[in-house]
PDB file of N, CA and C in Angstrom:
ATOM      1  N   MET A   1      23.900  24.325  -5.554  1.00  0.00           N
ATOM      2  CA  MET A   1      23.855  22.884  -5.487  1.00  0.00           C
ATOM      3  C   MET A   1      23.620  22.430  -4.046  1.00  0.00           C
ATOM      4  N   ALA A   2      24.291  23.056  -3.107  1.00  0.00           N
ATOM      5  CA  ALA A   2      24.141  22.665  -1.702  1.00  0.00           C
ATOM      6  C   ALA A   2      22.718  22.885  -1.218  1.00  0.00           C
ATOM      7  N   VAL A   3      22.103  23.984  -1.670  1.00  0.00           N
ATOM      8  CA  VAL A   3      20.717  24.272  -1.268  1.00  0.00           C
ATOM      9  C   VAL A   3      19.791  23.193  -1.813  1.00  0.00           C
ATOM     10  N   ARG A   4      19.979  22.799  -3.064  1.00  0.00           N
ATOM     11  CA  ARG A   4      19.140  21.768  -3.667  1.00  0.00           C
ATOM     12  C   ARG A   4      19.282  20.434  -2.924  1.00  0.00           C
ATOM     13  N   LEU A   5      20.503  20.063  -2.595  1.00  0.00           N
ATOM     14  CA  LEU A   5      20.736  18.826  -1.843  1.00  0.00           C
ATOM     15  C   LEU A   5      20.091  18.893  -0.463  1.00  0.00           C
ATOM     16  N   ALA A   6      20.171  20.037   0.164  1.00  0.00           N
ATOM     17  CA  ALA A   6      19.559  20.207   1.484  1.00  0.00           C
ATOM     18  C   ALA A   6      18.045  20.082   1.394  1.00  0.00           C
ATOM     19  N   LEU A   7      17.435  20.674   0.358  1.00  0.00           N
ATOM     20  CA  LEU A   7      15.984  20.585   0.192  1.00  0.00           C
ATOM     21  C   LEU A   7      15.544  19.147  -0.086  1.00  0.00           C
ATOM     22  N   ASP A   8      16.288  18.439  -0.939  1.00  0.00           N
ATOM     23  CA  ASP A   8      15.965  17.036  -1.223  1.00  0.00           C
ATOM     24  C   ASP A   8      16.072  16.190   0.042  1.00  0.00           C
ATOM     25  N   SER A   9      17.108  16.397   0.815  1.00  0.00           N
ATOM     26  CA  SER A   9      17.297  15.644   2.052  1.00  0.00           C
ATOM     27  C   SER A   9      16.195  15.967   3.047  1.00  0.00           C
ATOM     28  N   ARG A  10      15.809  17.223   3.127  1.00  0.00           N
ATOM     29  CA  ARG A  10      14.743  17.640   4.050  1.00  0.00           C
ATOM     30  C   ARG A  10      13.442  16.910   3.730  1.00  0.00           C
ATOM     31  N   GLU A  11      13.100  16.834   2.426  1.00  0.00           N
ATOM     32  CA  GLU A  11      11.863  16.149   2.031  1.00  0.00           C
ATOM     33  C   GLU A  11      11.893  14.689   2.453  1.00  0.00           C
ATOM     34  N   LEU A  12      13.040  14.032   2.319  1.00  0.00           N
ATOM     35  CA  LEU A  12      13.135  12.629   2.713  1.00  0.00           C
ATOM     36  C   LEU A  12      13.087  12.472   4.225  1.00  0.00           C
ATOM     37  N   LEU A  13      13.630  13.420   4.943  1.00  0.00           N
ATOM     38  CA  LEU A  13      13.626  13.344   6.405  1.00  0.00           C
ATOM     39  C   LEU A  13      12.235  13.535   6.993  1.00  0.00           C
ATOM     40  N   ILE A  14      11.387  14.312   6.334  1.00  0.00           N
ATOM     41  CA  ILE A  14      10.053  14.565   6.891  1.00  0.00           C
ATOM     42  C   ILE A  14       8.989  13.646   6.301  1.00  0.00           C
ATOM     43  N   GLY A  15       9.399  12.648   5.550  1.00  0.00           N
ATOM     44  CA  GLY A  15       8.450  11.648   5.085  1.00  0.00           C
ATOM     45  C   GLY A  15       7.751  12.002   3.797  1.00  0.00           C
ATOM     46  N   LYS A  16       8.494  12.269   2.768  1.00  0.00           N
ATOM     47  CA  LYS A  16       7.936  12.603   1.463  1.00  0.00           C
ATOM     48  C   LYS A  16       7.110  11.429   0.937  1.00  0.00           C
ATOM     49  N   ALA A  17       5.935  11.734   0.397  1.00  0.00           N
ATOM     50  CA  ALA A  17       5.065  10.713  -0.187  1.00  0.00           C
ATOM     51  C   ALA A  17       5.558  10.347  -1.588  1.00  0.00           C
ATOM     52  N   ALA A  18       5.018   9.277  -2.133  1.00  0.00           N
ATOM     53  CA  ALA A  18       5.356   8.863  -3.494  1.00  0.00           C
ATOM     54  C   ALA A  18       4.884   9.917  -4.489  1.00  0.00           C
ATOM     55  N   GLU A  19       5.549   9.961  -5.615  1.00  0.00           N
ATOM     56  CA  GLU A  19       5.146  10.863  -6.696  1.00  0.00           C
ATOM     57  C   GLU A  19       3.748  10.467  -7.173  1.00  0.00           C
ATOM     58  N   PRO A  20       2.961  11.429  -7.674  1.00  0.00           N
ATOM     59  CA  PRO A  20       1.591  11.119  -8.117  1.00  0.00           C
ATOM     60  C   PRO A  20       1.499   9.971  -9.117  1.00  0.00           C
ATOM     61  N   ARG A  21       2.424   9.895 -10.079  1.00  0.00           N
ATOM     62  CA  ARG A  21       2.348   8.796 -11.060  1.00  0.00           C
ATOM     63  C   ARG A  21       2.631   7.449 -10.401  1.00  0.00           C
ATOM     64  N   ASP A  22       3.570   7.426  -9.422  1.00  0.00           N
ATOM     65  CA  ASP A  22       3.843   6.185  -8.698  1.00  0.00           C
ATOM     66  C   ASP A  22       2.673   5.813  -7.803  1.00  0.00           C
ATOM     67  N   LEU A  23       2.047   6.804  -7.195  1.00  0.00           N
ATOM     68  CA  LEU A  23       0.879   6.549  -6.353  1.00  0.00           C
ATOM     69  C   LEU A  23      -0.265   5.968  -7.173  1.00  0.00           C
ATOM     70  N   GLU A  24      -0.446   6.468  -8.382  1.00  0.00           N
ATOM     71  CA  GLU A  24      -1.483   5.927  -9.277  1.00  0.00           C
ATOM     72  C   GLU A  24      -1.171   4.481  -9.650  1.00  0.00           C
ATOM     73  N   LEU A  25       0.088   4.200  -9.975  1.00  0.00           N
ATOM     74  CA  LEU A  25       0.506   2.842 -10.311  1.00  0.00           C
ATOM     75  C   LEU A  25       0.265   1.905  -9.129  1.00  0.00           C
ATOM     76  N   ILE A  26       0.629   2.348  -7.931  1.00  0.00           N
ATOM     77  CA  ILE A  26       0.442   1.544  -6.722  1.00  0.00           C
ATOM     78  C   ILE A  26      -1.036   1.235  -6.522  1.00  0.00           C
ATOM     79  N   GLY A  27      -1.869   2.256  -6.619  1.00  0.00           N
ATOM     80  CA  GLY A  27      -3.308   2.061  -6.445  1.00  0.00           C
ATOM     81  C   GLY A  27      -3.885   1.096  -7.467  1.00  0.00           C
ATOM     82  N   ASN A  28      -3.464   1.231  -8.726  1.00  0.00           N
ATOM     83  CA  ASN A  28      -3.956   0.332  -9.776  1.00  0.00           C
ATOM     84  C   ASN A  28      -3.523  -1.110  -9.530  1.00  0.00           C
ATOM     85  N   GLU A  29      -2.264  -1.307  -9.163  1.00  0.00           N
ATOM     86  CA  GLU A  29      -1.763  -2.658  -8.918  1.00  0.00           C
ATOM     87  C   GLU A  29      -2.488  -3.324  -7.752  1.00  0.00           C
ATOM     88  N   ILE A  30      -2.668  -2.585  -6.672  1.00  0.00           N
ATOM     89  CA  ILE A  30      -3.347  -3.165  -5.508  1.00  0.00           C
ATOM     90  C   ILE A  30      -4.811  -3.422  -5.826  1.00  0.00           C
ATOM     91  N   GLY A  31      -5.464  -2.470  -6.484  1.00  0.00           N
ATOM     92  CA  GLY A  31      -6.882  -2.622  -6.817  1.00  0.00           C
ATOM     93  C   GLY A  31      -7.164  -3.771  -7.764  1.00  0.00           C
ATOM     94  N   GLN A  32      -6.181  -4.142  -8.603  1.00  0.00           N
ATOM     95  CA  GLN A  32      -6.358  -5.226  -9.569  1.00  0.00           C
ATOM     96  C   GLN A  32      -5.923  -6.580  -9.026  1.00  0.00           C
ATOM     97  N   THR A  33      -5.493  -6.618  -7.785  1.00  0.00           N
ATOM     98  CA  THR A  33      -5.014  -7.862  -7.196  1.00  0.00           C
ATOM     99  C   THR A  33      -6.186  -8.808  -6.933  1.00  0.00           C
ATOM    100  N   PRO A  34      -6.098 -10.048  -7.415  1.00  0.00           N
ATOM    101  CA  PRO A  34      -7.161 -11.014  -7.121  1.00  0.00           C
ATOM    102  C   PRO A  34      -7.329 -11.170  -5.604  1.00  0.00           C
ATOM    103  N   GLY A  35      -8.555 -11.077  -5.145  1.00  0.00           N
ATOM    104  CA  GLY A  35      -8.846 -11.167  -3.723  1.00  0.00           C
ATOM    105  C   GLY A  35      -9.136  -9.824  -3.097  1.00  0.00           C
ATOM    106  N   VAL A  36      -8.701  -8.734  -3.740  1.00  0.00           N
ATOM    107  CA  VAL A  36      -8.988  -7.391  -3.231  1.00  0.00           C
ATOM    108  C   VAL A  36     -10.299  -6.919  -3.846  1.00  0.00           C
ATOM    109  N   ALA A  37     -11.303  -6.708  -2.998  1.00  0.00           N
ATOM    110  CA  ALA A  37     -12.596  -6.218  -3.481  1.00  0.00           C
ATOM    111  C   ALA A  37     -12.537  -4.712  -3.717  1.00  0.00           C
ATOM    112  N   THR A  38     -11.957  -3.979  -2.769  1.00  0.00           N
ATOM    113  CA  THR A  38     -11.889  -2.525  -2.856  1.00  0.00           C
ATOM    114  C   THR A  38     -10.617  -2.023  -2.188  1.00  0.00           C
ATOM    115  N   LEU A  39      -9.955  -1.098  -2.831  1.00  0.00           N
ATOM    116  CA  LEU A  39      -8.836  -0.390  -2.222  1.00  0.00           C
ATOM    117  C   LEU A  39      -9.423   0.823  -1.505  1.00  0.00           C
ATOM    118  N   LEU A  40      -9.314   0.839  -0.182  1.00  0.00           N
ATOM    119  CA  LEU A  40      -9.935   1.890   0.614  1.00  0.00           C
ATOM    120  C   LEU A  40      -9.016   3.088   0.842  1.00  0.00           C
ATOM    121  N   GLU A  41      -7.713   2.820   1.006  1.00  0.00           N
ATOM    122  CA  GLU A  41      -6.777   3.905   1.287  1.00  0.00           C
ATOM    123  C   GLU A  41      -5.357   3.429   1.019  1.00  0.00           C
ATOM    124  N   VAL A  42      -4.532   4.336   0.488  1.00  0.00           N
ATOM    125  CA  VAL A  42      -3.109   4.058   0.294  1.00  0.00           C
ATOM    126  C   VAL A  42      -2.324   5.224   0.879  1.00  0.00           C
ATOM    127  N   LEU A  43      -1.365   4.899   1.728  1.00  0.00           N
ATOM    128  CA  LEU A  43      -0.452   5.891   2.279  1.00  0.00           C
ATOM    129  C   LEU A  43       0.964   5.467   1.912  1.00  0.00           C
ATOM    130  N   THR A  44       1.788   6.430   1.524  1.00  0.00           N
ATOM    131  CA  THR A  44       3.163   6.126   1.160  1.00  0.00           C
ATOM    132  C   THR A  44       4.107   7.101   1.855  1.00  0.00           C
ATOM    133  N   MET A  45       5.335   6.630   2.092  1.00  0.00           N
ATOM    134  CA  MET A  45       6.347   7.484   2.683  1.00  0.00           C
ATOM    135  C   MET A  45       7.730   6.945   2.304  1.00  0.00           C
ATOM    136  N   HIS A  46       8.563   7.835   1.790  1.00  0.00           N
ATOM    137  CA  HIS A  46       9.939   7.445   1.465  1.00  0.00           C
ATOM    138  C   HIS A  46      10.739   7.264   2.749  1.00  0.00           C
ATOM    139  N   LEU A  47      11.506   6.182   2.803  1.00  0.00           N
ATOM    140  CA  LEU A  47      12.440   5.943   3.906  1.00  0.00           C
ATOM    141  C   LEU A  47      13.818   6.458   3.562  1.00  0.00           C
ATOM    142  N   GLY A  48      14.022   6.777   2.341  1.00  0.00           N
ATOM    143  CA  GLY A  48      15.279   7.261   1.805  1.00  0.00           C
ATOM    144  C   GLY A  48      15.097   7.340   0.307  1.00  0.00           C
ATOM    145  N   PRO A  49      16.135   7.629  -0.424  1.00  0.00           N
ATOM    146  CA  PRO A  49      15.970   7.787  -1.867  1.00  0.00           C
ATOM    147  C   PRO A  49      15.569   6.506  -2.602  1.00  0.00           C
ATOM    148  N   ASP A  50      15.836   5.348  -2.011  1.00  0.00           N
ATOM    149  CA  ASP A  50      15.590   4.087  -2.716  1.00  0.00           C
ATOM    150  C   ASP A  50      14.574   3.171  -2.053  1.00  0.00           C
ATOM    151  N   HIS A  51      13.910   3.619  -0.988  1.00  0.00           N
ATOM    152  CA  HIS A  51      12.960   2.764  -0.282  1.00  0.00           C
ATOM    153  C   HIS A  51      11.663   3.519  -0.018  1.00  0.00           C
ATOM    154  N   LEU A  52      10.538   2.814  -0.194  1.00  0.00           N
ATOM    155  CA  LEU A  52       9.213   3.417  -0.043  1.00  0.00           C
ATOM    156  C   LEU A  52       8.321   2.493   0.778  1.00  0.00           C
ATOM    157  N   ILE A  53       7.728   3.038   1.836  1.00  0.00           N
ATOM    158  CA  ILE A  53       6.720   2.288   2.592  1.00  0.00           C
ATOM    159  C   ILE A  53       5.377   2.496   1.895  1.00  0.00           C
ATOM    160  N   VAL A  54       4.656   1.403   1.691  1.00  0.00           N
ATOM    161  CA  VAL A  54       3.310   1.447   1.122  1.00  0.00           C
ATOM    162  C   VAL A  54       2.381   0.783   2.126  1.00  0.00           C
ATOM    163  N   ALA A  55       1.453   1.552   2.669  1.00  0.00           N
ATOM    164  CA  ALA A  55       0.453   1.010   3.596  1.00  0.00           C
ATOM    165  C   ALA A  55      -0.898   1.096   2.899  1.00  0.00           C
ATOM    166  N   ALA A  56      -1.529  -0.051   2.700  1.00  0.00           N
ATOM    167  CA  ALA A  56      -2.796  -0.109   1.976  1.00  0.00           C
ATOM    168  C   ALA A  56      -3.882  -0.721   2.852  1.00  0.00           C
ATOM    169  N   ARG A  57      -4.988  -0.005   2.953  1.00  0.00           N
ATOM    170  CA  ARG A  57      -6.166  -0.539   3.649  1.00  0.00           C
ATOM    171  C   ARG A  57      -7.102  -1.044   2.568  1.00  0.00           C
ATOM    172  N   VAL A  58      -7.435  -2.332   2.625  1.00  0.00           N
ATOM    173  CA  VAL A  58      -8.229  -2.963   1.569  1.00  0.00           C
ATOM    174  C   VAL A  58      -9.396  -3.743   2.162  1.00  0.00           C
ATOM    175  N   ALA A  59     -10.466  -3.819   1.390  1.00  0.00           N
ATOM    176  CA  ALA A  59     -11.556  -4.739   1.685  1.00  0.00           C
ATOM    177  C   ALA A  59     -11.316  -5.961   0.806  1.00  0.00           C
ATOM    178  N   LEU A  60     -11.346  -7.125   1.405  1.00  0.00           N
ATOM    179  CA  LEU A  60     -11.065  -8.363   0.678  1.00  0.00           C
ATOM    180  C   LEU A  60     -12.352  -9.049   0.256  1.00  0.00           C
ATOM    181  N   ASP A  61     -12.243  -9.846  -0.797  1.00  0.00           N
ATOM    182  CA  ASP A  61     -13.362 -10.691  -1.202  1.00  0.00           C
ATOM    183  C   ASP A  61     -13.699 -11.640  -0.065  1.00  0.00           C
ATOM    184  N   ASP A  62     -14.952 -12.027   0.045  1.00  0.00           N
ATOM    185  CA  ASP A  62     -15.406 -12.887   1.133  1.00  0.00           C
ATOM    186  C   ASP A  62     -14.701 -14.235   1.166  1.00  0.00           C
ATOM    187  N   GLU A  63     -14.279 -14.738   0.012  1.00  0.00           N
ATOM    188  CA  GLU A  63     -13.676 -16.075  -0.023  1.00  0.00           C
ATOM    189  C   GLU A  63     -12.191 -16.084   0.336  1.00  0.00           C
ATOM    190  N   VAL A  64     -11.585 -14.927   0.583  1.00  0.00           N
ATOM    191  CA  VAL A  64     -10.170 -14.870   0.952  1.00  0.00           C
ATOM    192  C   VAL A  64     -10.023 -15.252   2.423  1.00  0.00           C
ATOM    193  N   SER A  65      -9.192 -16.270   2.677  1.00  0.00           N
ATOM    194  CA  SER A  65      -8.981 -16.732   4.048  1.00  0.00           C
ATOM    195  C   SER A  65      -7.839 -15.945   4.684  1.00  0.00           C
ATOM    196  N   ALA A  66      -7.714 -16.056   5.984  1.00  0.00           N
ATOM    197  CA  ALA A  66      -6.637 -15.379   6.708  1.00  0.00           C
ATOM    198  C   ALA A  66      -5.273 -15.857   6.213  1.00  0.00           C
ATOM    199  N   ASP A  67      -5.163 -17.140   5.883  1.00  0.00           N
ATOM    200  CA  ASP A  67      -3.899 -17.684   5.385  1.00  0.00           C
ATOM    201  C   ASP A  67      -3.521 -17.087   4.031  1.00  0.00           C
ATOM    202  N   GLN A  68      -4.509 -16.724   3.229  1.00  0.00           N
ATOM    203  CA  GLN A  68      -4.247 -16.198   1.898  1.00  0.00           C
ATOM    204  C   GLN A  68      -3.846 -14.720   1.916  1.00  0.00           C
ATOM    205  N   VAL A  69      -4.103 -14.013   3.003  1.00  0.00           N
ATOM    206  CA  VAL A  69      -3.779 -12.592   3.071  1.00  0.00           C
ATOM    207  C   VAL A  69      -2.274 -12.367   2.952  1.00  0.00           C
ATOM    208  N   GLU A  70      -1.473 -13.199   3.588  1.00  0.00           N
ATOM    209  CA  GLU A  70      -0.017 -13.054   3.494  1.00  0.00           C
ATOM    210  C   GLU A  70       0.462 -13.264   2.062  1.00  0.00           C
ATOM    211  N   ASP A  71      -0.097 -14.265   1.372  1.00  0.00           N
ATOM    212  CA  ASP A  71       0.270 -14.503  -0.024  1.00  0.00           C
ATOM    213  C   ASP A  71      -0.140 -13.318  -0.896  1.00  0.00           C
ATOM    214  N   LEU A  72      -1.295 -12.756  -0.619  1.00  0.00           N
ATOM    215  CA  LEU A  72      -1.791 -11.601  -1.354  1.00  0.00           C
ATOM    216  C   LEU A  72      -0.833 -10.413  -1.183  1.00  0.00           C
ATOM    217  N   ALA A  73      -0.391 -10.166   0.036  1.00  0.00           N
ATOM    218  CA  ALA A  73       0.544  -9.071   0.306  1.00  0.00           C
ATOM    219  C   ALA A  73       1.885  -9.316  -0.379  1.00  0.00           C
ATOM    220  N   ASP A  74       2.366 -10.555  -0.364  1.00  0.00           N
ATOM    221  CA  ASP A  74       3.623 -10.893  -1.039  1.00  0.00           C
ATOM    222  C   ASP A  74       3.509 -10.673  -2.549  1.00  0.00           C
ATOM    223  N   ASP A  75       2.350 -11.023  -3.117  1.00  0.00           N
ATOM    224  CA  ASP A  75       2.114 -10.827  -4.549  1.00  0.00           C
ATOM    225  C   ASP A  75       2.151  -9.337  -4.893  1.00  0.00           C
ATOM    226  N   ILE A  76       1.497  -8.516  -4.088  1.00  0.00           N
ATOM    227  CA  ILE A  76       1.504  -7.069  -4.313  1.00  0.00           C
ATOM    228  C   ILE A  76       2.930  -6.537  -4.210  1.00  0.00           C
ATOM    229  N   ASP A  77       3.652  -6.959  -3.204  1.00  0.00           N
ATOM    230  CA  ASP A  77       5.031  -6.517  -2.991  1.00  0.00           C
ATOM    231  C   ASP A  77       5.910  -6.859  -4.200  1.00  0.00           C
ATOM    232  N   ARG A  78       5.789  -8.074  -4.715  1.00  0.00           N
ATOM    233  CA  ARG A  78       6.579  -8.524  -5.864  1.00  0.00           C
ATOM    234  C   ARG A  78       6.275  -7.704  -7.117  1.00  0.00           C
ATOM    235  N   ARG A  79       4.971  -7.497  -7.381  1.00  0.00           N
ATOM    236  CA  ARG A  79       4.589  -6.761  -8.588  1.00  0.00           C
ATOM    237  C   ARG A  79       5.013  -5.296  -8.514  1.00  0.00           C
ATOM    238  N   LEU A  80       4.900  -4.699  -7.330  1.00  0.00           N
ATOM    239  CA  LEU A  80       5.335  -3.308  -7.185  1.00  0.00           C
ATOM    240  C   LEU A  80       6.850  -3.186  -7.317  1.00  0.00           C
ATOM    241  N   ALA A  81       7.588  -4.157  -6.797  1.00  0.00           N
ATOM    242  CA  ALA A  81       9.052  -4.131  -6.914  1.00  0.00           C
ATOM    243  C   ALA A  81       9.492  -4.180  -8.377  1.00  0.00           C
ATOM    244  N   ASP A  82       8.726  -4.876  -9.216  1.00  0.00           N
ATOM    245  CA  ASP A  82       9.047  -4.961 -10.639  1.00  0.00           C
ATOM    246  C   ASP A  82       8.742  -3.664 -11.385  1.00  0.00           C
ATOM    247  N   LYS A  83       7.805  -2.863 -10.868  1.00  0.00           N
ATOM    248  CA  LYS A  83       7.334  -1.698 -11.621  1.00  0.00           C
ATOM    249  C   LYS A  83       7.774  -0.346 -11.074  1.00  0.00           C
ATOM    250  N   LEU A  84       8.205  -0.299  -9.831  1.00  0.00           N
ATOM    251  CA  LEU A  84       8.600   0.980  -9.229  1.00  0.00           C
ATOM    252  C   LEU A  84      10.109   1.181  -9.300  1.00  0.00           C
ATOM    253  N   PRO A  85      10.556   2.440  -9.353  1.00  0.00           N
ATOM    254  CA  PRO A  85      11.992   2.706  -9.383  1.00  0.00           C
ATOM    255  C   PRO A  85      12.651   2.631  -8.000  1.00  0.00           C
ATOM    256  N   VAL A  86      11.871   2.313  -6.969  1.00  0.00           N
ATOM    257  CA  VAL A  86      12.374   2.198  -5.597  1.00  0.00           C
ATOM    258  C   VAL A  86      11.983   0.833  -5.036  1.00  0.00           C
ATOM    259  N   VAL A  87      12.562   0.479  -3.901  1.00  0.00           N
ATOM    260  CA  VAL A  87      12.233  -0.782  -3.236  1.00  0.00           C
ATOM    261  C   VAL A  87      11.008  -0.544  -2.351  1.00  0.00           C
ATOM    262  N   PRO A  88       9.882  -1.212  -2.648  1.00  0.00           N
ATOM    263  CA  PRO A  88       8.697  -1.016  -1.817  1.00  0.00           C
ATOM    264  C   PRO A  88       8.697  -1.954  -0.607  1.00  0.00           C
ATOM    265  N   HIS A  89       8.145  -1.463   0.470  1.00  0.00           N
ATOM    266  CA  HIS A  89       7.904  -2.263   1.669  1.00  0.00           C
ATOM    267  C   HIS A  89       6.402  -2.160   1.905  1.00  0.00           C
ATOM    268  N   VAL A  90       5.673  -3.223   1.558  1.00  0.00           N
ATOM    269  CA  VAL A  90       4.213  -3.172   1.499  1.00  0.00           C
ATOM    270  C   VAL A  90       3.596  -3.758   2.759  1.00  0.00           C
ATOM    271  N   PHE A  91       2.649  -3.015   3.322  1.00  0.00           N
ATOM    272  CA  PHE A  91       1.867  -3.457   4.464  1.00  0.00           C
ATOM    273  C   PHE A  91       0.397  -3.379   4.079  1.00  0.00           C
ATOM    274  N   VAL A  92      -0.303  -4.497   4.200  1.00  0.00           N
ATOM    275  CA  VAL A  92      -1.713  -4.561   3.825  1.00  0.00           C
ATOM    276  C   VAL A  92      -2.551  -4.706   5.084  1.00  0.00           C
ATOM    277  N   ASP A  93      -3.539  -3.825   5.210  1.00  0.00           N
ATOM    278  CA  ASP A  93      -4.471  -3.854   6.337  1.00  0.00           C
ATOM    279  C   ASP A  93      -5.828  -4.302   5.817  1.00  0.00           C
ATOM    280  N   PRO A  94      -6.186  -5.590   5.980  1.00  0.00           N
ATOM    281  CA  PRO A  94      -7.504  -6.039   5.539  1.00  0.00           C
ATOM    282  C   PRO A  94      -8.569  -5.497   6.481  1.00  0.00           C
ATOM    283  N   THR A  95      -9.540  -4.808   5.924  1.00  0.00           N
ATOM    284  CA  THR A  95     -10.576  -4.139   6.707  1.00  0.00           C
ATOM    285  C   THR A  95     -11.945  -4.611   6.260  1.00  0.00           C
ATOM    286  N   GLN A  96     -12.779  -4.891   7.221  1.00  0.00           N
ATOM    287  CA  GLN A  96     -14.151  -5.288   6.908  1.00  0.00           C
ATOM    288  C   GLN A  96     -14.969  -4.019   6.704  1.00  0.00           C
ATOM    289  N   THR A  97     -15.606  -3.883   5.553  1.00  0.00           N
ATOM    290  CA  THR A  97     -16.349  -2.662   5.250  1.00  0.00           C
ATOM    291  C   THR A  97     -17.817  -2.747   5.620  1.00  0.00           C
ATOM    292  N   SER A  98     -18.346  -3.946   5.717  1.00  0.00           N
ATOM    293  CA  SER A  98     -19.755  -4.074   6.117  1.00  0.00           C
ATOM    294  C   SER A  98     -19.834  -4.963   7.342  1.00  0.00           C
ATOM    295  N   PRO A  99     -20.805  -4.727   8.200  1.00  0.00           N
ATOM    296  CA  PRO A  99     -20.888  -5.550   9.405  1.00  0.00           C
ATOM    297  C   PRO A  99     -21.190  -6.998   9.045  1.00  0.00           C
ATOM    298  N   GLY A 100     -20.410  -7.885   9.602  1.00  0.00           N
ATOM    299  CA  GLY A 100     -20.647  -9.308   9.412  1.00  0.00           C
ATOM    300  C   GLY A 100     -21.805  -9.767  10.282  1.00  0.00           C
ATOM    301  N   PRO A 101     -22.147 -11.039  10.222  1.00  0.00           N
ATOM    302  CA  PRO A 101     -23.274 -11.542  11.005  1.00  0.00           C
ATOM    303  C   PRO A 101     -23.102 -11.331  12.499  1.00  0.00           C
ATOM    304  N   ASP A 102     -21.869 -11.486  13.023  1.00  0.00           N
ATOM    305  CA  ASP A 102     -21.647 -11.311  14.451  1.00  0.00           C
ATOM    306  C   ASP A 102     -21.828  -9.859  14.869  1.00  0.00           C
ATOM    307  N   ARG A 103     -21.313  -8.939  14.058  1.00  0.00           N
ATOM    308  CA  ARG A 103     -21.441  -7.517  14.378  1.00  0.00           C
ATOM    309  C   ARG A 103     -22.884  -7.063  14.289  1.00  0.00           C
ATOM    310  N   ALA A 104     -23.585  -7.515  13.259  1.00  0.00           N
ATOM    311  CA  ALA A 104     -24.973  -7.103  13.072  1.00  0.00           C
ATOM    312  C   ALA A 104     -25.842  -7.576  14.237  1.00  0.00           C
ATOM    313  N   ALA A 105     -25.545  -8.761  14.772  1.00  0.00           N
ATOM    314  CA  ALA A 105     -26.324  -9.293  15.889  1.00  0.00           C
ATOM    315  C   ALA A 105     -26.108  -8.496  17.161  1.00  0.00           C
ATOM    316  N   ARG A 106     -24.891  -7.928  17.338  1.00  0.00           N
ATOM    317  CA  ARG A 106     -24.584  -7.184  18.548  1.00  0.00           C
ATOM    318  C   ARG A 106     -25.117  -5.758  18.515  1.00  0.00           C
ATOM    319  N   GLN A 107     -25.442  -5.250  17.340  1.00  0.00           N
ATOM    320  CA  GLN A 107     -25.884  -3.851  17.245  1.00  0.00           C
ATOM    321  C   GLN A 107     -27.342  -3.693  17.531  1.00  0.00           C
TER     322      GLN A 107
END
């Protein structure tokens, strides 16, 4: 029993990722969020047995404003909290996937 507890604790101390089924659920929820055009990357790490960091890099729809990004992240956080067995802490990184007019002009 002590060995099993030590192994479980070790995994949490070194940053164990979410289980594959939870990772799939997270990806589906974020990808289906209105305003998210593409889910580019999801990284997860347990902070302890009951808390999970979720870092998502997403491409947003063109009509999503900077003010709406915070609401979008809050919506994802709420929906994941309802569906996951742990408390999620969600961080969304909006990333531009194609060069905008300003970038294209500078290249």
